[in-house]
C-alpha atoms as a PDB file:
ATOM      1  CA  MET A   1      -9.561  26.445   5.332  1.00  0.00           C
ATOM      2  CA  MET A   2     -10.209  22.953   6.773  1.00  0.00           C
ATOM      3  CA  LEU A   3      -9.444  22.279  10.497  1.00  0.00           C
ATOM      4  CA  SER A   4      -6.245  20.297  10.907  1.00  0.00           C
ATOM      5  CA  ARG A   5      -7.830  17.585  12.954  1.00  0.00           C
ATOM      6  CA  ILE A   6     -10.341  16.792  10.160  1.00  0.00           C
ATOM      7  CA  ALA A   7      -7.646  16.902   7.461  1.00  0.00           C
ATOM      8  CA  ASP A   8      -5.565  14.568   9.693  1.00  0.00           C
ATOM      9  CA  SER A   9      -8.471  12.170  10.122  1.00  0.00           C
ATOM     10  CA  LEU A  10      -9.111  12.030   6.303  1.00  0.00           C
ATOM     11  CA  PHE A  11      -5.430  11.577   5.428  1.00  0.00           C
ATOM     12  CA  TRP A  12      -5.292   8.640   7.844  1.00  0.00           C
ATOM     13  CA  ILE A  13      -8.431   7.022   6.740  1.00  0.00           C
ATOM     14  CA  GLY A  14      -6.910   6.869   3.341  1.00  0.00           C
ATOM     15  CA  ARG A  15      -3.695   5.447   4.656  1.00  0.00           C
ATOM     16  CA  TYR A  16      -5.158   2.830   6.930  1.00  0.00           C
ATOM     17  CA  MET A  17      -7.728   1.543   4.412  1.00  0.00           C
ATOM     18  CA  GLU A  18      -5.027   1.272   1.726  1.00  0.00           C
ATOM     19  CA  ARG A  19      -2.646  -0.392   4.209  1.00  0.00           C
ATOM     20  CA  ALA A  20      -5.316  -2.941   5.150  1.00  0.00           C
ATOM     21  CA  ASP A  21      -6.104  -3.712   1.461  1.00  0.00           C
ATOM     22  CA  ASN A  22      -2.418  -3.941   0.449  1.00  0.00           C
ATOM     23  CA  THR A  23      -1.717  -6.404   3.355  1.00  0.00           C
ATOM     24  CA  ALA A  24      -4.789  -8.512   2.405  1.00  0.00           C
ATOM     25  CA  ARG A  25      -3.567  -8.749  -1.187  1.00  0.00           C
ATOM     26  CA  ILE A  26      -0.114  -9.983  -0.396  1.00  0.00           C
ATOM     27  CA  LEU A  27      -1.498 -12.465   2.161  1.00  0.00           C
ATOM     28  CA  ASP A  28      -4.052 -13.853  -0.346  1.00  0.00           C
ATOM     29  CA  VAL A  29      -1.570 -14.091  -3.363  1.00  0.00           C
ATOM     30  CA  ASN A  30       1.033 -15.883  -1.185  1.00  0.00           C
ATOM     31  CA  TYR A  31      -1.461 -18.365   0.098  1.00  0.00           C
ATOM     32  CA  HIS A  32      -2.798 -19.259  -3.366  1.00  0.00           C
ATOM     33  CA  MET A  33       0.587 -19.384  -4.927  1.00  0.00           C
ATOM     34  CA  LEU A  34       1.742 -21.809  -2.176  1.00  0.00           C
ATOM     35  CA  LEU A  35      -1.291 -23.963  -2.837  1.00  0.00           C
ATOM     36  CA  GLU A  36      -0.281 -24.184  -6.525  1.00  0.00           C
ATOM     37  CA  GLN A  37       3.434 -25.140  -6.045  1.00  0.00           C
ATOM     38  CA  PRO A  38       5.060 -28.014  -4.162  1.00  0.00           C
ATOM     39  CA  ALA A  39       5.926 -26.938  -0.637  1.00  0.00           C
ATOM     40  CA  ASP A  40       9.532 -28.229  -1.008  1.00  0.00           C
ATOM     41  CA  THR A  41      10.338 -26.327  -4.165  1.00  0.00           C
ATOM     42  CA  TYR A  42       8.447 -23.006  -4.075  1.00  0.00           C
ATOM     43  CA  GLN A  43      10.572 -20.197  -2.777  1.00  0.00           C
ATOM     44  CA  LEU A  44       7.941 -17.592  -1.863  1.00  0.00           C
ATOM     45  CA  ARG A  45       7.442 -18.054   1.777  1.00  0.00           C
ATOM     46  CA  TRP A  46       5.835 -16.083   4.639  1.00  0.00           C
ATOM     47  CA  ASP A  47       8.976 -14.253   5.984  1.00  0.00           C
ATOM     48  CA  PRO A  48       9.054 -11.852   2.936  1.00  0.00           C
ATOM     49  CA  LEU A  49       5.464 -10.852   3.834  1.00  0.00           C
ATOM     50  CA  ILE A  50       6.406  -9.936   7.291  1.00  0.00           C
ATOM     51  CA  THR A  51       9.328  -7.950   5.917  1.00  0.00           C
ATOM     52  CA  ILE A  52       7.120  -6.057   3.428  1.00  0.00           C
ATOM     53  CA  THR A  53       4.836  -4.885   6.158  1.00  0.00           C
ATOM     54  CA  GLY A  54       7.780  -3.353   8.021  1.00  0.00           C
ATOM     55  CA  GLU A  55       7.163  -5.460  11.215  1.00  0.00           C
ATOM     56  CA  ARG A  56       9.854  -8.160  11.138  1.00  0.00           C
ATOM     57  CA  THR A  57      11.351  -7.336  14.405  1.00  0.00           C
ATOM     58  CA  ARG A  58       8.078  -7.282  16.260  1.00  0.00           C
ATOM     59  CA  PHE A  59       7.057 -10.624  14.556  1.00  0.00           C
ATOM     60  CA  TYR A  60      10.025 -12.433  15.635  1.00  0.00           C
ATOM     61  CA  GLN A  61       9.795 -11.217  19.200  1.00  0.00           C
ATOM     62  CA  MET A  62       6.473 -13.050  19.236  1.00  0.00           C
ATOM     63  CA  HIS A  63       6.991 -16.071  16.984  1.00  0.00           C
ATOM     64  CA  GLU A  64       9.873 -18.477  16.388  1.00  0.00           C
ATOM     65  CA  GLU A  65       9.200 -18.994  12.607  1.00  0.00           C
ATOM     66  CA  ALA A  66       7.131 -17.480   9.893  1.00  0.00           C
ATOM     67  CA  ASN A  67       4.476 -20.047   8.881  1.00  0.00           C
ATOM     68  CA  ALA A  68       1.015 -19.797   7.501  1.00  0.00           C
ATOM     69  CA  HIS A  69      -0.777 -19.814  10.890  1.00  0.00           C
ATOM     70  CA  ALA A  70       1.561 -17.379  12.514  1.00  0.00           C
ATOM     71  CA  ALA A  71       1.615 -14.970   9.529  1.00  0.00           C
ATOM     72  CA  PHE A  72      -2.145 -15.003   9.298  1.00  0.00           C
ATOM     73  CA  ASP A  73      -2.655 -14.216  13.021  1.00  0.00           C
ATOM     74  CA  PHE A  74      -0.074 -11.537  13.041  1.00  0.00           C
ATOM     75  CA  LEU A  75      -0.911  -9.779   9.813  1.00  0.00           C
ATOM     76  CA  GLY A  76      -4.685 -10.365  10.093  1.00  0.00           C
ATOM     77  CA  TYR A  77      -6.034  -9.977  13.624  1.00  0.00           C
ATOM     78  CA  SER A  78      -3.225  -9.365  16.079  1.00  0.00           C
ATOM     79  CA  GLU A  79      -3.744  -6.573  18.553  1.00  0.00           C
ATOM     80  CA  ASP A  80      -0.061  -6.617  19.236  1.00  0.00           C
ATOM     81  CA  ASN A  81       0.736  -5.571  15.629  1.00  0.00           C
ATOM     82  CA  PRO A  82      -0.517  -1.950  15.050  1.00  0.00           C
ATOM     83  CA  ASN A  83      -0.408  -2.550  11.273  1.00  0.00           C
ATOM     84  CA  SER A  84      -2.436  -5.724  11.192  1.00  0.00           C
ATOM     85  CA  ILE A  85      -5.470  -5.623   9.022  1.00  0.00           C
ATOM     86  CA  ALA A  86      -7.939  -5.600  11.849  1.00  0.00           C
ATOM     87  CA  GLN A  87      -5.993  -2.818  13.666  1.00  0.00           C
ATOM     88  CA  CYS A  88      -5.901  -0.720  10.464  1.00  0.00           C
ATOM     89  CA  ILE A  89      -9.663  -0.996  10.008  1.00  0.00           C
ATOM     90  CA  ILE A  90     -10.224  -0.132  13.672  1.00  0.00           C
ATOM     91  CA  HIS A  91      -8.101   3.006  13.293  1.00  0.00           C
ATOM     92  CA  ALA A  92      -9.836   3.972  10.016  1.00  0.00           C
ATOM     93  CA  ARG A  93     -13.249   3.544  11.689  1.00  0.00           C
ATOM     94  CA  GLU A  94     -12.172   5.674  14.736  1.00  0.00           C
ATOM     95  CA  ASN A  95     -10.932   8.468  12.510  1.00  0.00           C
ATOM     96  CA  ALA A  96     -14.160   8.240  10.505  1.00  0.00           C
ATOM     97  CA  ARG A  97     -16.274   8.270  13.802  1.00  0.00           C
ATOM     98  CA  THR A  98     -14.703  11.449  14.993  1.00  0.00           C
ATOM     99  CA  ILE A  99     -15.519  13.307  11.766  1.00  0.00           C
ATOM    100  CA  ARG A 100     -18.909  11.887  10.893  1.00  0.00           C
ATOM    101  CA  ASP A 101     -20.405  15.254  10.254  1.00  0.00           C
ATOM    102  CA  ARG A 102     -17.655  15.925   7.621  1.00  0.00           C
ATOM    103  CA  ILE A 103     -18.028  12.673   5.546  1.00  0.00           C
ATOM    104  CA  SER A 104     -20.999  11.167   3.827  1.00  0.00           C
ATOM    105  CA  ARG A 105     -23.301   8.775   5.642  1.00  0.00           C
ATOM    106  CA  GLU A 106     -22.668   6.153   2.970  1.00  0.00           C
ATOM    107  CA  LEU A 107     -18.871   6.332   3.688  1.00  0.00           C
ATOM    108  CA  TRP A 108     -19.343   5.973   7.474  1.00  0.00           C
ATOM    109  CA  GLU A 109     -21.703   3.104   6.966  1.00  0.00           C
ATOM    110  CA  ASP A 110     -19.271   1.362   4.604  1.00  0.00           C
ATOM    111  CA  ILE A 111     -16.249   1.650   6.967  1.00  0.00           C
ATOM    112  CA  ASN A 112     -18.289   0.696   9.981  1.00  0.00           C
ATOM    113  CA  GLY A 113     -19.783  -2.254   8.049  1.00  0.00           C
ATOM    114  CA  LEU A 114     -16.372  -3.586   7.219  1.00  0.00           C
ATOM    115  CA  TYR A 115     -15.327  -3.170  10.893  1.00  0.00           C
ATOM    116  CA  HIS A 116     -18.242  -5.369  11.941  1.00  0.00           C
ATOM    117  CA  LYS A 117     -17.689  -7.911   9.143  1.00  0.00           C
ATOM    118  CA  ILE A 118     -14.019  -8.402  10.192  1.00  0.00           C
ATOM    119  CA  ASN A 119     -15.128  -8.775  13.883  1.00  0.00           C
ATOM    120  CA  LYS A 120     -17.758 -11.316  12.905  1.00  0.00           C
ATOM    121  CA  LEU A 121     -15.152 -13.375  10.986  1.00  0.00           C
ATOM    122  CA  ARG A 122     -12.849 -13.311  13.981  1.00  0.00           C
ATOM    123  CA  ASP A 123     -15.640 -14.230  16.498  1.00  0.00           C
ATOM    124  CA  GLU A 124     -16.651 -17.153  14.209  1.00  0.00           C
ATOM    125  CA  GLY A 125     -13.082 -18.445  14.409  1.00  0.00           C
ATOM    126  CA  VAL A 126     -12.782 -18.300  10.690  1.00  0.00           C
ATOM    127  CA  SER A 127      -9.414 -19.845   9.692  1.00  0.00           C
ATOM    128  CA  ASP A 128     -10.030 -19.582   5.977  1.00  0.00           C
ATOM    129  CA  LEU A 129      -7.302 -17.058   5.025  1.00  0.00           C
ATOM    130  CA  SER A 130      -8.856 -16.662   1.516  1.00  0.00           C
ATOM    131  CA  ARG A 131     -12.255 -15.842   2.753  1.00  0.00           C
ATOM    132  CA  PHE A 132     -10.972 -13.226   5.238  1.00  0.00           C
ATOM    133  CA  CYS A 133      -8.698 -11.580   2.565  1.00  0.00           C
ATOM    134  CA  ASP A 134     -11.572 -11.514   0.016  1.00  0.00           C
ATOM    135  CA  ALA A 135     -13.706  -9.592   2.609  1.00  0.00           C
ATOM    136  CA  VAL A 136     -11.019  -7.087   3.116  1.00  0.00           C
ATOM    137  CA  LYS A 137     -10.282  -6.582  -0.600  1.00  0.00           C
ATOM    138  CA  ARG A 138     -14.042  -6.275  -1.421  1.00  0.00           C
ATOM    139  CA  GLY A 139     -14.280  -3.829   1.406  1.00  0.00           C
ATOM    140  CA  GLY A 140     -11.441  -1.744  -0.128  1.00  0.00           C
ATOM    141  CA  HIS A 141     -13.194  -1.692  -3.462  1.00  0.00           C
ATOM    142  CA  ARG A 142     -16.343  -0.446  -1.914  1.00  0.00           C
ATOM    143  CA  PHE A 143     -14.455   2.174   0.094  1.00  0.00           C
ATOM    144  CA  HIS A 144     -12.914   3.747  -3.034  1.00  0.00           C
ATOM    145  CA  GLY A 145     -16.302   3.496  -4.894  1.00  0.00           C
ATOM    146  CA  VAL A 146     -18.194   5.111  -2.079  1.00  0.00           C
ATOM    147  CA  CYS A 147     -15.550   7.908  -1.753  1.00  0.00           C
ATOM    148  CA  ASP A 148     -15.635   8.558  -5.672  1.00  0.00           C
ATOM    149  CA  ALA A 149     -19.605   8.699  -5.615  1.00  0.00           C
ATOM    150  CA  THR A 150     -20.288  10.561  -2.407  1.00  0.00           C
ATOM    151  CA  LEU A 151     -17.556  13.011  -1.379  1.00  0.00           C
ATOM    152  CA  PRO A 152     -17.217  16.557  -2.678  1.00  0.00           C
ATOM    153  CA  ARG A 153     -13.896  17.225  -4.430  1.00  0.00           C
ATOM    154  CA  ASP A 154     -12.752  19.664  -1.731  1.00  0.00           C
ATOM    155  CA  GLU A 155      -9.625  19.824   0.562  1.00  0.00           C
ATOM    156  CA  GLY A 156     -10.925  16.837   2.472  1.00  0.00           C
ATOM    157  CA  TRP A 157     -11.100  14.762  -0.595  1.00  0.00           C
ATOM    158  CA  HIS A 158      -7.539  15.602  -1.578  1.00  0.00           C
ATOM    159  CA  PHE A 159      -6.259  14.883   1.837  1.00  0.00           C
ATOM    160  CA  LEU A 160      -7.848  11.306   1.685  1.00  0.00           C
ATOM    161  CA  GLN A 161      -6.514  10.784  -1.859  1.00  0.00           C
ATOM    162  CA  ALA A 162      -3.109  11.917  -0.728  1.00  0.00           C
ATOM    163  CA  GLY A 163      -3.153   9.376   2.119  1.00  0.00           C
ATOM    164  CA  CYS A 164      -4.134   6.473  -0.189  1.00  0.00           C
ATOM    165  CA  ALA A 165      -1.581   7.554  -2.847  1.00  0.00           C
ATOM    166  CA  ILE A 166       1.415   7.740  -0.577  1.00  0.00           C
ATOM    167  CA  GLU A 167       0.628   4.363   1.103  1.00  0.00           C
ATOM    168  CA  ARG A 168       0.187   2.623  -2.196  1.00  0.00           C
ATOM    169  CA  ALA A 169       3.370   4.108  -3.683  1.00  0.00           C
ATOM    170  CA  GLU A 170       5.485   3.026  -0.748  1.00  0.00           C
ATOM    171  CA  MET A 171       3.965  -0.433  -0.602  1.00  0.00           C
ATOM    172  CA  THR A 172       4.458  -1.089  -4.300  1.00  0.00           C
ATOM    173  CA  ALA A 173       8.152  -0.106  -4.021  1.00  0.00           C
ATOM    174  CA  ARG A 174       8.489  -2.224  -0.910  1.00  0.00           C
ATOM    175  CA  ILE A 175       6.927  -5.359  -2.479  1.00  0.00           C
ATOM    176  CA  LEU A 176       9.147  -5.081  -5.533  1.00  0.00           C
ATOM    177  CA  ASP A 177      12.259  -4.535  -3.399  1.00  0.00           C
ATOM    178  CA  VAL A 178      11.689  -7.335  -1.006  1.00  0.00           C
ATOM    179  CA  HIS A 179      10.745  -9.878  -3.612  1.00  0.00           C
ATOM    180  CA  TYR A 180      13.493  -8.924  -6.096  1.00  0.00           C
ATOM    181  CA  HIS A 181      16.193  -9.151  -3.377  1.00  0.00           C
ATOM    182  CA  GLN A 182      14.727 -12.682  -2.494  1.00  0.00           C
ATOM    183  CA  LEU A 183      14.603 -13.797  -5.983  1.00  0.00           C
ATOM    184  CA  LEU A 184      18.202 -12.742  -6.706  1.00  0.00           C
ATOM    185  CA  GLU A 185      19.258 -15.272  -3.890  1.00  0.00           C
ATOM    186  CA  GLY A 186      16.388 -17.694  -4.464  1.00  0.00           C
ATOM    187  CA  PRO A 187      14.985 -19.913  -7.257  1.00  0.00           C
ATOM    188  CA  GLN A 188      17.415 -20.954 -10.002  1.00  0.00           C
ATOM    189  CA  ILE A 189      14.804 -22.989 -11.714  1.00  0.00           C
ATOM    190  CA  MET A 190      12.949 -20.917 -14.340  1.00  0.00           C
ATOM    191  CA  SER A 191       9.517 -22.158 -13.432  1.00  0.00           C
ATOM    192  CA  GLU A 192       9.898 -21.232  -9.848  1.00  0.00           C
ATOM    193  CA  ALA A 193      11.144 -17.760 -10.723  1.00  0.00           C
ATOM    194  CA  ARG A 194       8.125 -17.246 -13.107  1.00  0.00           C
ATOM    195  CA  HIS A 195       5.647 -18.170 -10.519  1.00  0.00           C
ATOM    196  CA  ALA A 196       7.399 -15.898  -8.052  1.00  0.00           C
ATOM    197  CA  TRP A 197       7.197 -12.968 -10.478  1.00  0.00           C
ATOM    198  CA  MET A 198       3.538 -13.742 -11.100  1.00  0.00           C
ATOM    199  CA  ALA A 199       2.981 -13.453  -7.357  1.00  0.00           C
ATOM    200  CA  VAL A 200       4.557 -10.071  -7.383  1.00  0.00           C
ATOM    201  CA  LEU A 201       2.320  -8.949 -10.218  1.00  0.00           C
ATOM    202  CA  LYS A 202      -0.746 -10.310  -8.713  1.00  0.00           C
ATOM    203  CA  SER A 203      -0.073  -8.585  -5.409  1.00  0.00           C
ATOM    204  CA  VAL A 204      -0.542  -5.262  -7.062  1.00  0.00           C
ATOM    205  CA  ALA A 205      -3.353  -6.282  -9.338  1.00  0.00           C
ATOM    206  CA  ALA A 206      -0.929  -6.002 -12.400  1.00  0.00           C
ATOM    207  CA  TYR A 207      -0.821  -9.539 -13.794  1.00  0.00           C
ATOM    208  CA  GLU A 208      -3.504  -9.103 -16.511  1.00  0.00           C
ATOM    209  CA  LEU A 209      -2.101  -5.784 -17.693  1.00  0.00           C
ATOM    210  CA  TYR A 210       1.352  -7.234 -17.989  1.00  0.00           C
ATOM    211  CA  LYS A 211       0.115 -10.298 -19.937  1.00  0.00           C
ATOM    212  CA  ARG A 212      -1.651  -8.027 -22.394  1.00  0.00           C
ATOM    213  CA  HIS A 213       1.620  -6.438 -23.224  1.00  0.00           C
ATOM    214  CA  TYR A 214       4.291  -9.089 -22.873  1.00  0.00           C
ATOM    215  CA  THR A 215       4.337 -12.860 -23.592  1.00  0.00           C
ATOM    216  CA  GLN A 216       7.188 -13.771 -21.100  1.00  0.00           C
ATOM    217  CA  ILE A 217       7.571 -12.696 -17.563  1.00  0.00           C
ATOM    218  CA  GLU A 218      10.934 -10.859 -17.253  1.00  0.00           C
ATOM    219  CA  PRO A 219      12.216  -9.110 -14.120  1.00  0.00           C
ATOM    220  CA  GLU A 220      13.190  -5.814 -15.980  1.00  0.00           C
ATOM    221  CA  LYS A 221       9.733  -5.564 -17.573  1.00  0.00           C
ATOM    222  CA  VAL A 222       7.951  -6.260 -14.242  1.00  0.00           C
ATOM    223  CA  ALA A 223       9.995  -3.574 -12.525  1.00  0.00           C
ATOM    224  CA  GLU A 224       9.295  -1.136 -15.308  1.00  0.00           C
ATOM    225  CA  LEU A 225       5.578  -1.642 -15.024  1.00  0.00           C
ATOM    226  CA  LEU A 226       5.490  -1.316 -11.354  1.00  0.00           C
ATOM    227  CA  LEU A 227       7.834   1.626 -11.185  1.00  0.00           C
ATOM    228  CA  LEU A 228       7.424   3.692 -14.302  1.00  0.00           C
ATOM    229  CA  ASP A 229       4.067   2.915 -15.950  1.00  0.00           C
ATOM    230  CA  ALA A 230       1.851   6.093 -15.944  1.00  0.00           C
ATOM    231  CA  ARG A 231      -1.373   4.074 -16.480  1.00  0.00           C
ATOM    232  CA  HIS A 232      -1.413   1.418 -13.807  1.00  0.00           C
ATOM    233  CA  PRO A 233      -3.234   2.655 -10.614  1.00  0.00           C
ATOM    234  CA  ARG A 234      -0.682   0.833  -8.366  1.00  0.00           C
ATOM    235  CA  SER A 235       2.491   1.792  -9.966  1.00  0.00           C
ATOM    236  CA  VAL A 236       4.874   4.125  -8.055  1.00  0.00           C
ATOM    237  CA  ARG A 237       4.871   6.805 -10.777  1.00  0.00           C
ATOM    238  CA  PHE A 238       0.983   6.817 -11.080  1.00  0.00           C
ATOM    239  CA  ASN A 239       0.538   7.293  -7.338  1.00  0.00           C
ATOM    240  CA  LEU A 240       3.131   9.930  -6.980  1.00  0.00           C
ATOM    241  CA  GLY A 241       1.253  11.786  -9.716  1.00  0.00           C
ATOM    242  CA  VAL A 242      -1.897  11.511  -7.842  1.00  0.00           C
ATOM    243  CA  LEU A 243      -0.143  12.676  -4.583  1.00  0.00           C
ATOM    244  CA  GLN A 244       1.385  15.622  -6.437  1.00  0.00           C
ATOM    245  CA  ASN A 245      -1.939  16.711  -7.850  1.00  0.00           C
ATOM    246  CA  SER A 246      -3.686  16.476  -4.456  1.00  0.00           C
ATOM    247  CA  LEU A 247      -0.951  18.441  -2.741  1.00  0.00           C
ATOM    248  CA  TYR A 248      -1.226  21.115  -5.438  1.00  0.00           C
ATOM    249  CA  ALA A 249      -5.034  21.297  -5.003  1.00  0.00           C
ATOM    250  CA  ILE A 250      -4.581  21.703  -1.160  1.00  0.00           C
ATOM    251  CA  SER A 251      -1.976  24.404  -1.264  1.00  0.00           C
ATOM    252  CA  GLY A 252      -3.083  26.241  -4.521  1.00  0.00           C
ATOM    253  CA  SER A 253       0.338  25.737  -6.054  1.00  0.00           C
ATOM    254  CA  VAL A 254       0.782  25.389  -9.817  1.00  0.00           C
ATOM    255  CA  PRO A 255       2.788  22.789 -11.715  1.00  0.00           C
ATOM    256  CA  GLY A 256       6.511  23.638 -11.693  1.00  0.00           C
ATOM    257  CA  SER A 257       6.316  25.292  -8.319  1.00  0.00           C
ATOM    258  CA  TYR A 258       5.950  24.190  -4.771  1.00  0.00           C
ATOM    259  CA  ALA A 259       4.567  25.597  -1.420  1.00  0.00           C
ATOM    260  CA  ASN A 260       6.268  23.353   1.061  1.00  0.00           C
ATOM    261  CA  GLU A 261       8.903  20.592   1.350  1.00  0.00           C
ATOM    262  CA  GLY A 262       6.436  17.777   0.800  1.00  0.00           C
ATOM    263  CA  GLU A 263       5.495  19.154  -2.531  1.00  0.00           C
ATOM    264  CA  ARG A 264       9.061  19.647  -3.497  1.00  0.00           C
ATOM    265  CA  LEU A 265      10.027  16.049  -2.630  1.00  0.00           C
ATOM    266  CA  THR A 266       6.976  14.755  -4.355  1.00  0.00           C
ATOM    267  CA  GLY A 267       7.611  16.651  -7.465  1.00  0.00           C
ATOM    268  CA  ARG A 268      11.337  15.707  -7.543  1.00  0.00           C
ATOM    269  CA  ALA A 269      10.538  12.009  -7.180  1.00  0.00           C
ATOM    270  CA  TYR A 270       7.753  12.011  -9.805  1.00  0.00           C
ATOM    271  CA  GLU A 271       9.900  13.800 -12.332  1.00  0.00           C
ATOM    272  CA  ARG A 272      12.704  11.370 -11.782  1.00  0.00           C
ATOM    273  CA  LEU A 273      10.271   8.415 -12.454  1.00  0.00           C
ATOM    274  CA  ALA A 274       9.023  10.168 -15.523  1.00  0.00           C
ATOM    275  CA  TYR A 275      12.456  10.480 -17.190  1.00  0.00           C
ATOM    276  CA  ASP A 276      14.512   7.602 -15.775  1.00  0.00           C
ATOM    277  CA  SER A 277      14.681   4.409 -17.945  1.00  0.00           C
ATOM    278  CA  ILE A 278      14.548   0.990 -16.350  1.00  0.00           C
ATOM    279  CA  GLY A 279      17.869   0.235 -17.914  1.00  0.00           C
ATOM    280  CA  GLU A 280      19.473   3.087 -16.054  1.00  0.00           C
ATOM    281  CA  ILE A 281      17.718   2.045 -12.841  1.00  0.00           C
ATOM    282  CA  PHE A 282      19.074  -1.522 -13.066  1.00  0.00           C
ATOM    283  CA  GLU A 283      22.540  -0.298 -14.001  1.00  0.00           C
ATOM    284  CA  GLY A 284      22.583   1.968 -10.919  1.00  0.00           C
ATOM    285  CA  GLY A 285      21.167  -0.778  -8.663  1.00  0.00           C
ATOM    286  CA  LEU A 286      17.372  -1.502  -8.319  1.00  0.00           C
ATOM    287  CA  HIS A 287      17.616  -2.160  -4.543  1.00  0.00           C
ATOM    288  CA  GLU A 288      19.295   1.264  -3.848  1.00  0.00           C
ATOM    289  CA  TYR A 289      16.784   2.942  -6.122  1.00  0.00           C
ATOM    290  CA  LEU A 290      13.761   1.425  -4.367  1.00  0.00           C
ATOM    291  CA  GLU A 291      15.186   2.055  -0.940  1.00  0.00           C
ATOM    292  CA  GLU A 292      15.591   5.781  -1.798  1.00  0.00           C
ATOM    293  CA  LEU A 293      11.971   5.837  -3.105  1.00  0.00           C
ATOM    294  CA  GLN A 294      10.703   4.314   0.090  1.00  0.00           C
ATOM    295  CA  GLY A 295      12.681   6.814   2.195  1.00  0.00           C
ATOM    296  CA  THR A 296      11.286   9.737   0.083  1.00  0.00           C
ATOM    297  CA  CYS A 297       7.681   8.368   0.652  1.00  0.00           C
ATOM    298  CA  ARG A 298       8.247   8.259   4.449  1.00  0.00           C
ATOM    299  CA  THR A 299       9.718  11.763   4.411  1.00  0.00           C
ATOM    300  CA  ILE A 300       6.781  13.157   2.285  1.00  0.00           C
ATOM    301  CA  GLY A 301       4.370  11.727   4.894  1.00  0.00           C
ATOM    302  CA  VAL A 302       6.337  13.391   7.729  1.00  0.00           C
ATOM    303  CA  GLU A 303       6.411  16.800   5.820  1.00  0.00           C
ATOM    304  CA  VAL A 304       2.672  16.646   5.019  1.00  0.00           C
ATOM    305  CA  THR A 305       1.956  15.948   8.698  1.00  0.00           C
ATOM    306  CA  GLN A 306       4.178  18.717   9.939  1.00  0.00           C
ATOM    307  CA  THR A 307       2.826  21.252   7.351  1.00  0.00           C
ATOM    308  CA  TYR A 308      -0.862  20.651   7.744  1.00  0.00           C
ATOM    309  CA  PHE A 309      -1.619  18.685  10.957  1.00  0.00           C
ATOM    310  CA  TYR A 310       0.784  19.952  13.682  1.00  0.00           C
ATOM    311  CA  TYR A 311       1.360  23.509  14.744  1.00  0.00           C
ATOM    312  CA  ALA A 312       4.126  24.887  16.832  1.00  0.00           C
ATOM    313  CA  VAL A 313       3.034  26.111  20.346  1.00  0.00           C
ATOM    314  CA  ALA A 314       4.305  29.569  21.152  1.00  0.00           C
ATOM    315  CA  SER A 315       6.393  29.489  24.344  1.00  0.00           C
END
């Protein structure tokens, strides 16, 4: 049985690296979409990005308005934002450092190299948001590649995969929720709405897949892909499936059963996504559905932590 501190570190390495990558993606997409559209007409602004990261209250305690400079500083480097990209990479590196004897040399060098790359960009005073985000995204691709190529498929692997999957599932649900709510109240011009939905798809690397299957960008089809598609690696259903398989591998449970509350909640959420139709979801309220999913993801994270990482101390 793996020590709880090692499992904890691997789980959070996965979460922090995925969080940094997700934040870099939404920053980069928003930046490029704003460049392509007139500033006085395009509706996708910086405020929704702050909301997606869950740090809206903290941001407005430090800044009066959400503009490109403030958002880049807060989401990219800020030491006052525990979920900034730089802070996530610092936390991932620290977790990796404490378990260097339990991960591959290549994985440590990859995470450590990304940490130094981000520090170098900061010290150089790089204000090019696209260059910064590209470095983080490439670092995320390398991280997953190195993990796949060098880590044994043991408990540690599954804790790391569980961390990545739960973070990705919650972020996809949050991106869809925030942007869909904004678009309901936002652009009435079809071209603006189309570009906004393109931004949502690009934020989760789903634009090319969507265009291969559909000729027009339609909100219901976008939501269906990001929520229910079993093939796309950033859809909520796909990642809850990965999470479920990893939790089964850790506990030894078999499909159709569960060993703890985290597994039960994961299985219930996954089965619901497997059998719900997008029409039923919209009829019942997409926002309410997505809010429930996000809450479930947070609860699963708490349950995994309590089950495997924290132990009651006898009084």
